[in-house]
Amino acid sequence: MTKVRVFSTPTCPYCFALKRFLEEKGIEVEQVDVSSDLEAQKEMIEKTKQTTVPVTEINGEYIVSFDRKKICELLKIED
């Protein structure tokens, strides 16, 4: 089973668009609010060397920003 986590903040419009896209595709997502979860924020920065959101983790691979093409490729879904 594919594990998908989205690291985001409540005020990020790109995060909202990404989560809506995944929801429309029927992808179950674990949402991680890095504005309140400092351990998750630290993990995200260590893994990506980035402080920007959204970051999507799919089966251990991290994608910085809302990269539809890469997300669809890893999830094996149509855009």
PDB file of N, CA and C in Angstrom:
ATOM      1  N   MET A   1       0.838  -1.189   0.000  1.00  0.00           N
ATOM      2  CA  MET A   1       0.000   0.000   0.000  1.00  0.00           C
ATOM      3  C   MET A   1       0.874   1.241   0.000  1.00  0.00           C
ATOM      4  N   THR A   2       0.522   2.209  -0.814  1.00  0.00           N
ATOM      5  CA  THR A   2       1.281   3.433  -0.940  1.00  0.00           C
ATOM      6  C   THR A   2       1.015   4.345   0.246  1.00  0.00           C
ATOM      7  N   LYS A   3       2.097   4.787   0.885  1.00  0.00           N
ATOM      8  CA  LYS A   3       1.981   5.712   2.011  1.00  0.00           C
ATOM      9  C   LYS A   3       2.269   7.122   1.495  1.00  0.00           C
ATOM     10  N   VAL A   4       1.302   8.029   1.706  1.00  0.00           N
ATOM     11  CA  VAL A   4       1.444   9.406   1.239  1.00  0.00           C
ATOM     12  C   VAL A   4       1.271  10.346   2.422  1.00  0.00           C
ATOM     13  N   ARG A   5       2.266  11.206   2.622  1.00  0.00           N
ATOM     14  CA  ARG A   5       2.170  12.259   3.641  1.00  0.00           C
ATOM     15  C   ARG A   5       2.382  13.598   2.961  1.00  0.00           C
ATOM     16  N   VAL A   6       1.608  14.587   3.390  1.00  0.00           N
ATOM     17  CA  VAL A   6       1.759  15.944   2.872  1.00  0.00           C
ATOM     18  C   VAL A   6       2.133  16.845   4.039  1.00  0.00           C
ATOM     19  N   PHE A   7       3.321  17.416   3.962  1.00  0.00           N
ATOM     20  CA  PHE A   7       3.786  18.389   4.939  1.00  0.00           C
ATOM     21  C   PHE A   7       3.307  19.755   4.445  1.00  0.00           C
ATOM     22  N   SER A   8       2.563  20.455   5.290  1.00  0.00           N
ATOM     23  CA  SER A   8       1.958  21.703   4.849  1.00  0.00           C
ATOM     24  C   SER A   8       1.731  22.641   6.022  1.00  0.00           C
ATOM     25  N   THR A   9       1.177  23.815   5.701  1.00  0.00           N
ATOM     26  CA  THR A   9       0.731  24.767   6.711  1.00  0.00           C
ATOM     27  C   THR A   9      -0.704  25.158   6.367  1.00  0.00           C
ATOM     28  N   PRO A  10      -1.459  25.622   7.349  1.00  0.00           N
ATOM     29  CA  PRO A  10      -2.866  25.953   7.098  1.00  0.00           C
ATOM     30  C   PRO A  10      -3.076  27.151   6.171  1.00  0.00           C
ATOM     31  N   THR A  11      -2.057  27.989   5.994  1.00  0.00           N
ATOM     32  CA  THR A  11      -2.228  29.205   5.192  1.00  0.00           C
ATOM     33  C   THR A  11      -1.634  29.113   3.788  1.00  0.00           C
ATOM     34  N   CYS A  12      -1.121  27.953   3.419  1.00  0.00           N
ATOM     35  CA  CYS A  12      -0.443  27.778   2.128  1.00  0.00           C
ATOM     36  C   CYS A  12      -1.443  27.404   1.029  1.00  0.00           C
ATOM     37  N   PRO A  13      -1.632  28.282   0.028  1.00  0.00           N
ATOM     38  CA  PRO A  13      -2.583  27.965  -1.038  1.00  0.00           C
ATOM     39  C   PRO A  13      -2.139  26.784  -1.905  1.00  0.00           C
ATOM     40  N   TYR A  14      -0.841  26.596  -2.090  1.00  0.00           N
ATOM     41  CA  TYR A  14      -0.343  25.467  -2.881  1.00  0.00           C
ATOM     42  C   TYR A  14      -0.594  24.149  -2.151  1.00  0.00           C
ATOM     43  N   CYS A  15      -0.493  24.200  -0.821  1.00  0.00           N
ATOM     44  CA  CYS A  15      -0.777  23.016  -0.002  1.00  0.00           C
ATOM     45  C   CYS A  15      -2.246  22.627  -0.151  1.00  0.00           C
ATOM     46  N   PHE A  16      -3.108  23.617  -0.092  1.00  0.00           N
ATOM     47  CA  PHE A  16      -4.539  23.370  -0.235  1.00  0.00           C
ATOM     48  C   PHE A  16      -4.832  22.753  -1.603  1.00  0.00           C
ATOM     49  N   ALA A  17      -4.235  23.306  -2.652  1.00  0.00           N
ATOM     50  CA  ALA A  17      -4.455  22.791  -4.011  1.00  0.00           C
ATOM     51  C   ALA A  17      -3.946  21.357  -4.140  1.00  0.00           C
ATOM     52  N   LEU A  18      -2.782  21.068  -3.567  1.00  0.00           N
ATOM     53  CA  LEU A  18      -2.222  19.715  -3.615  1.00  0.00           C
ATOM     54  C   LEU A  18      -3.133  18.721  -2.908  1.00  0.00           C
ATOM     55  N   LYS A  19      -3.580  19.066  -1.705  1.00  0.00           N
ATOM     56  CA  LYS A  19      -4.448  18.157  -0.952  1.00  0.00           C
ATOM     57  C   LYS A  19      -5.778  17.938  -1.668  1.00  0.00           C
ATOM     58  N   ARG A  20      -6.312  18.993  -2.283  1.00  0.00           N
ATOM     59  CA  ARG A  20      -7.557  18.852  -3.039  1.00  0.00           C
ATOM     60  C   ARG A  20      -7.343  17.935  -4.244  1.00  0.00           C
ATOM     61  N   PHE A  21      -6.238  18.104  -4.942  1.00  0.00           N
ATOM     62  CA  PHE A  21      -5.904  17.260  -6.095  1.00  0.00           C
ATOM     63  C   PHE A  21      -5.849  15.790  -5.679  1.00  0.00           C
ATOM     64  N   LEU A  22      -5.135  15.493  -4.592  1.00  0.00           N
ATOM     65  CA  LEU A  22      -5.002  14.111  -4.136  1.00  0.00           C
ATOM     66  C   LEU A  22      -6.347  13.550  -3.693  1.00  0.00           C
ATOM     67  N   GLU A  23      -7.151  14.368  -3.037  1.00  0.00           N
ATOM     68  CA  GLU A  23      -8.484  13.940  -2.610  1.00  0.00           C
ATOM     69  C   GLU A  23      -9.352  13.594  -3.819  1.00  0.00           C
ATOM     70  N   GLU A  24      -9.296  14.437  -4.859  1.00  0.00           N
ATOM     71  CA  GLU A  24     -10.074  14.186  -6.075  1.00  0.00           C
ATOM     72  C   GLU A  24      -9.640  12.900  -6.769  1.00  0.00           C
ATOM     73  N   LYS A  25      -8.370  12.535  -6.604  1.00  0.00           N
ATOM     74  CA  LYS A  25      -7.843  11.302  -7.204  1.00  0.00           C
ATOM     75  C   LYS A  25      -8.091  10.084  -6.319  1.00  0.00           C
ATOM     76  N   GLY A  26      -8.692  10.318  -5.144  1.00  0.00           N
ATOM     77  CA  GLY A  26      -9.000   9.216  -4.244  1.00  0.00           C
ATOM     78  C   GLY A  26      -7.798   8.693  -3.476  1.00  0.00           C
ATOM     79  N   ILE A  27      -6.781   9.523  -3.329  1.00  0.00           N
ATOM     80  CA  ILE A  27      -5.562   9.122  -2.631  1.00  0.00           C
ATOM     81  C   ILE A  27      -5.700   9.480  -1.153  1.00  0.00           C
ATOM     82  N   GLU A  28      -5.521   8.485  -0.290  1.00  0.00           N
ATOM     83  CA  GLU A  28      -5.565   8.717   1.152  1.00  0.00           C
ATOM     84  C   GLU A  28      -4.247   9.346   1.589  1.00  0.00           C
ATOM     85  N   VAL A  29      -4.351  10.439   2.344  1.00  0.00           N
ATOM     86  CA  VAL A  29      -3.184  11.227   2.701  1.00  0.00           C
ATOM     87  C   VAL A  29      -3.126  11.438   4.205  1.00  0.00           C
ATOM     88  N   GLU A  30      -1.931  11.320   4.747  1.00  0.00           N
ATOM     89  CA  GLU A  30      -1.689  11.747   6.128  1.00  0.00           C
ATOM     90  C   GLU A  30      -1.224  13.196   6.053  1.00  0.00           C
ATOM     91  N   GLN A  31      -1.988  14.100   6.633  1.00  0.00           N
ATOM     92  CA  GLN A  31      -1.645  15.515   6.602  1.00  0.00           C
ATOM     93  C   GLN A  31      -0.801  15.864   7.822  1.00  0.00           C
ATOM     94  N   VAL A  32       0.308  16.561   7.577  1.00  0.00           N
ATOM     95  CA  VAL A  32       1.221  16.944   8.638  1.00  0.00           C
ATOM     96  C   VAL A  32       1.372  18.460   8.617  1.00  0.00           C
ATOM     97  N   ASP A  33       0.931  19.107   9.686  1.00  0.00           N
ATOM     98  CA  ASP A  33       1.002  20.569   9.798  1.00  0.00           C
ATOM     99  C   ASP A  33       2.340  20.943  10.424  1.00  0.00           C
ATOM    100  N   VAL A  34       3.290  21.383   9.603  1.00  0.00           N
ATOM    101  CA  VAL A  34       4.620  21.704  10.101  1.00  0.00           C
ATOM    102  C   VAL A  34       4.671  23.035  10.852  1.00  0.00           C
ATOM    103  N   SER A  35       3.580  23.780  10.836  1.00  0.00           N
ATOM    104  CA  SER A  35       3.557  25.015  11.624  1.00  0.00           C
ATOM    105  C   SER A  35       3.324  24.711  13.109  1.00  0.00           C
ATOM    106  N   SER A  36       2.785  23.537  13.406  1.00  0.00           N
ATOM    107  CA  SER A  36       2.540  23.172  14.804  1.00  0.00           C
ATOM    108  C   SER A  36       3.283  21.911  15.242  1.00  0.00           C
ATOM    109  N   ASP A  37       3.761  21.107  14.310  1.00  0.00           N
ATOM    110  CA  ASP A  37       4.484  19.880  14.629  1.00  0.00           C
ATOM    111  C   ASP A  37       5.967  20.092  14.321  1.00  0.00           C
ATOM    112  N   LEU A  38       6.714  20.497  15.343  1.00  0.00           N
ATOM    113  CA  LEU A  38       8.119  20.854  15.130  1.00  0.00           C
ATOM    114  C   LEU A  38       8.998  19.653  14.788  1.00  0.00           C
ATOM    115  N   GLU A  39       8.651  18.471  15.282  1.00  0.00           N
ATOM    116  CA  GLU A  39       9.404  17.262  14.920  1.00  0.00           C
ATOM    117  C   GLU A  39       9.234  16.962  13.427  1.00  0.00           C
ATOM    118  N   ALA A  40       8.022  17.098  12.928  1.00  0.00           N
ATOM    119  CA  ALA A  40       7.764  16.875  11.503  1.00  0.00           C
ATOM    120  C   ALA A  40       8.464  17.936  10.665  1.00  0.00           C
ATOM    121  N   GLN A  41       8.449  19.168  11.160  1.00  0.00           N
ATOM    122  CA  GLN A  41       9.145  20.255  10.460  1.00  0.00           C
ATOM    123  C   GLN A  41      10.640  19.931  10.350  1.00  0.00           C
ATOM    124  N   LYS A  42      11.225  19.468  11.436  1.00  0.00           N
ATOM    125  CA  LYS A  42      12.644  19.101  11.454  1.00  0.00           C
ATOM    126  C   LYS A  42      12.912  17.960  10.466  1.00  0.00           C
ATOM    127  N   GLU A  43      12.045  16.945  10.468  1.00  0.00           N
ATOM    128  CA  GLU A  43      12.181  15.821   9.535  1.00  0.00           C
ATOM    129  C   GLU A  43      12.145  16.300   8.094  1.00  0.00           C
ATOM    130  N   MET A  44      11.161  17.163   7.783  1.00  0.00           N
ATOM    131  CA  MET A  44      11.003  17.680   6.425  1.00  0.00           C
ATOM    132  C   MET A  44      12.259  18.425   5.976  1.00  0.00           C
ATOM    133  N   ILE A  45      12.797  19.270   6.844  1.00  0.00           N
ATOM    134  CA  ILE A  45      13.986  20.052   6.501  1.00  0.00           C
ATOM    135  C   ILE A  45      15.204  19.143   6.342  1.00  0.00           C
ATOM    136  N   GLU A  46      15.358  18.165   7.223  1.00  0.00           N
ATOM    137  CA  GLU A  46      16.492  17.237   7.124  1.00  0.00           C
ATOM    138  C   GLU A  46      16.447  16.422   5.833  1.00  0.00           C
ATOM    139  N   LYS A  47      15.256  15.968   5.448  1.00  0.00           N
ATOM    140  CA  LYS A  47      15.115  15.111   4.261  1.00  0.00           C
ATOM    141  C   LYS A  47      15.218  15.882   2.956  1.00  0.00           C
ATOM    142  N   THR A  48      14.736  17.137   2.949  1.00  0.00           N
ATOM    143  CA  THR A  48      14.665  17.884   1.687  1.00  0.00           C
ATOM    144  C   THR A  48      15.646  19.047   1.592  1.00  0.00           C
ATOM    145  N   LYS A  49      16.208  19.452   2.725  1.00  0.00           N
ATOM    146  CA  LYS A  49      17.070  20.650   2.790  1.00  0.00           C
ATOM    147  C   LYS A  49      16.302  21.907   2.378  1.00  0.00           C
ATOM    148  N   GLN A  50      14.974  21.858   2.513  1.00  0.00           N
ATOM    149  CA  GLN A  50      14.089  22.958   2.151  1.00  0.00           C
ATOM    150  C   GLN A  50      13.202  23.317   3.335  1.00  0.00           C
ATOM    151  N   THR A  51      12.757  24.584   3.368  1.00  0.00           N
ATOM    152  CA  THR A  51      11.822  25.007   4.405  1.00  0.00           C
ATOM    153  C   THR A  51      10.470  25.376   3.813  1.00  0.00           C
ATOM    154  N   THR A  52      10.327  25.208   2.515  1.00  0.00           N
ATOM    155  CA  THR A  52       9.071  25.573   1.856  1.00  0.00           C
ATOM    156  C   THR A  52       8.112  24.390   1.834  1.00  0.00           C
ATOM    157  N   VAL A  53       6.837  24.723   1.787  1.00  0.00           N
ATOM    158  CA  VAL A  53       5.785  23.715   1.672  1.00  0.00           C
ATOM    159  C   VAL A  53       4.986  24.003   0.412  1.00  0.00           C
ATOM    160  N   PRO A  54       4.289  23.031  -0.128  1.00  0.00           N
ATOM    161  CA  PRO A  54       4.116  21.681   0.370  1.00  0.00           C
ATOM    162  C   PRO A  54       5.288  20.774   0.027  1.00  0.00           C
ATOM    163  N   VAL A  55       5.420  19.738   0.844  1.00  0.00           N
ATOM    164  CA  VAL A  55       6.330  18.631   0.571  1.00  0.00           C
ATOM    165  C   VAL A  55       5.486  17.368   0.650  1.00  0.00           C
ATOM    166  N   THR A  56       5.587  16.543  -0.364  1.00  0.00           N
ATOM    167  CA  THR A  56       4.854  15.284  -0.391  1.00  0.00           C
ATOM    168  C   THR A  56       5.836  14.144  -0.246  1.00  0.00           C
ATOM    169  N   GLU A  57       5.546  13.233   0.663  1.00  0.00           N
ATOM    170  CA  GLU A  57       6.358  12.029   0.806  1.00  0.00           C
ATOM    171  C   GLU A  57       5.525  10.853   0.300  1.00  0.00           C
ATOM    172  N   ILE A  58       6.066  10.162  -0.688  1.00  0.00           N
ATOM    173  CA  ILE A  58       5.400   8.979  -1.245  1.00  0.00           C
ATOM    174  C   ILE A  58       6.363   7.815  -1.114  1.00  0.00           C
ATOM    175  N   ASN A  59       6.008   6.892  -0.233  1.00  0.00           N
ATOM    176  CA  ASN A  59       6.845   5.704   0.017  1.00  0.00           C
ATOM    177  C   ASN A  59       8.311   6.055   0.240  1.00  0.00           C
ATOM    178  N   GLY A  60       8.557   7.102   1.034  1.00  0.00           N
ATOM    179  CA  GLY A  60       9.920   7.477   1.391  1.00  0.00           C
ATOM    180  C   GLY A  60      10.603   8.432   0.440  1.00  0.00           C
ATOM    181  N   GLU A  61       9.972   8.771  -0.669  1.00  0.00           N
ATOM    182  CA  GLU A  61      10.544   9.739  -1.612  1.00  0.00           C
ATOM    183  C   GLU A  61       9.857  11.081  -1.405  1.00  0.00           C
ATOM    184  N   TYR A  62      10.658  12.152  -1.306  1.00  0.00           N
ATOM    185  CA  TYR A  62      10.137  13.486  -0.997  1.00  0.00           C
ATOM    186  C   TYR A  62      10.091  14.346  -2.249  1.00  0.00           C
ATOM    187  N   ILE A  63       8.963  15.017  -2.430  1.00  0.00           N
ATOM    188  CA  ILE A  63       8.767  15.912  -3.566  1.00  0.00           C
ATOM    189  C   ILE A  63       8.482  17.304  -3.010  1.00  0.00           C
ATOM    190  N   VAL A  64       9.337  18.266  -3.346  1.00  0.00           N
ATOM    191  CA  VAL A  64       9.158  19.639  -2.882  1.00  0.00           C
ATOM    192  C   VAL A  64       8.309  20.384  -3.898  1.00  0.00           C
ATOM    193  N   SER A  65       7.293  21.067  -3.425  1.00  0.00           N
ATOM    194  CA  SER A  65       6.324  21.842  -4.201  1.00  0.00           C
ATOM    195  C   SER A  65       5.244  20.921  -4.782  1.00  0.00           C
ATOM    196  N   PHE A  66       4.314  21.493  -5.468  1.00  0.00           N
ATOM    197  CA  PHE A  66       3.202  20.735  -6.049  1.00  0.00           C
ATOM    198  C   PHE A  66       3.602  20.336  -7.465  1.00  0.00           C
ATOM    199  N   ASP A  67       4.393  19.278  -7.574  1.00  0.00           N
ATOM    200  CA  ASP A  67       4.881  18.762  -8.853  1.00  0.00           C
ATOM    201  C   ASP A  67       3.936  17.647  -9.302  1.00  0.00           C
ATOM    202  N   ARG A  68       2.878  18.056 -10.015  1.00  0.00           N
ATOM    203  CA  ARG A  68       1.827  17.102 -10.422  1.00  0.00           C
ATOM    204  C   ARG A  68       2.391  15.927 -11.197  1.00  0.00           C
ATOM    205  N   LYS A  69       3.291  16.217 -12.115  1.00  0.00           N
ATOM    206  CA  LYS A  69       3.839  15.168 -12.972  1.00  0.00           C
ATOM    207  C   LYS A  69       4.566  14.110 -12.145  1.00  0.00           C
ATOM    208  N   LYS A  70       5.435  14.554 -11.239  1.00  0.00           N
ATOM    209  CA  LYS A  70       6.209  13.619 -10.413  1.00  0.00           C
ATOM    210  C   LYS A  70       5.289  12.848  -9.469  1.00  0.00           C
ATOM    211  N   ILE A  71       4.303  13.536  -8.873  1.00  0.00           N
ATOM    212  CA  ILE A  71       3.362  12.886  -7.960  1.00  0.00           C
ATOM    213  C   ILE A  71       2.567  11.807  -8.698  1.00  0.00           C
ATOM    214  N   CYS A  72       2.064  12.141  -9.877  1.00  0.00           N
ATOM    215  CA  CYS A  72       1.300  11.163 -10.669  1.00  0.00           C
ATOM    216  C   CYS A  72       2.175   9.979 -11.065  1.00  0.00           C
ATOM    217  N   GLU A  73       3.422  10.264 -11.410  1.00  0.00           N
ATOM    218  CA  GLU A  73       4.362   9.205 -11.789  1.00  0.00           C
ATOM    219  C   GLU A  73       4.575   8.241 -10.626  1.00  0.00           C
ATOM    220  N   LEU A  74       4.841   8.762  -9.431  1.00  0.00           N
ATOM    221  CA  LEU A  74       5.103   7.903  -8.279  1.00  0.00           C
ATOM    222  C   LEU A  74       3.859   7.147  -7.820  1.00  0.00           C
ATOM    223  N   LEU A  75       2.691   7.773  -7.964  1.00  0.00           N
ATOM    224  CA  LEU A  75       1.447   7.119  -7.558  1.00  0.00           C
ATOM    225  C   LEU A  75       0.849   6.246  -8.662  1.00  0.00           C
ATOM    226  N   LYS A  76       1.448   6.345  -9.863  1.00  0.00           N
ATOM    227  CA  LYS A  76       0.959   5.587 -11.021  1.00  0.00           C
ATOM    228  C   LYS A  76      -0.513   5.899 -11.319  1.00  0.00           C
ATOM    229  N   ILE A  77      -0.786   7.222 -11.370  1.00  0.00           N
ATOM    230  CA  ILE A  77      -2.140   7.700 -11.684  1.00  0.00           C
ATOM    231  C   ILE A  77      -2.074   8.668 -12.850  1.00  0.00           C
ATOM    232  N   GLU A  78      -3.227   8.876 -13.492  1.00  0.00           N
ATOM    233  CA  GLU A  78      -3.342   9.847 -14.577  1.00  0.00           C
ATOM    234  C   GLU A  78      -3.478  11.247 -13.997  1.00  0.00           C
ATOM    235  N   ASP A  79      -2.927  12.234 -14.687  1.00  0.00           N
ATOM    236  CA  ASP A  79      -3.054  13.626 -14.261  1.00  0.00           C
ATOM    237  C   ASP A  79      -4.420  14.153 -14.620  1.00  0.00           C
TER     238      ASP A  79
END
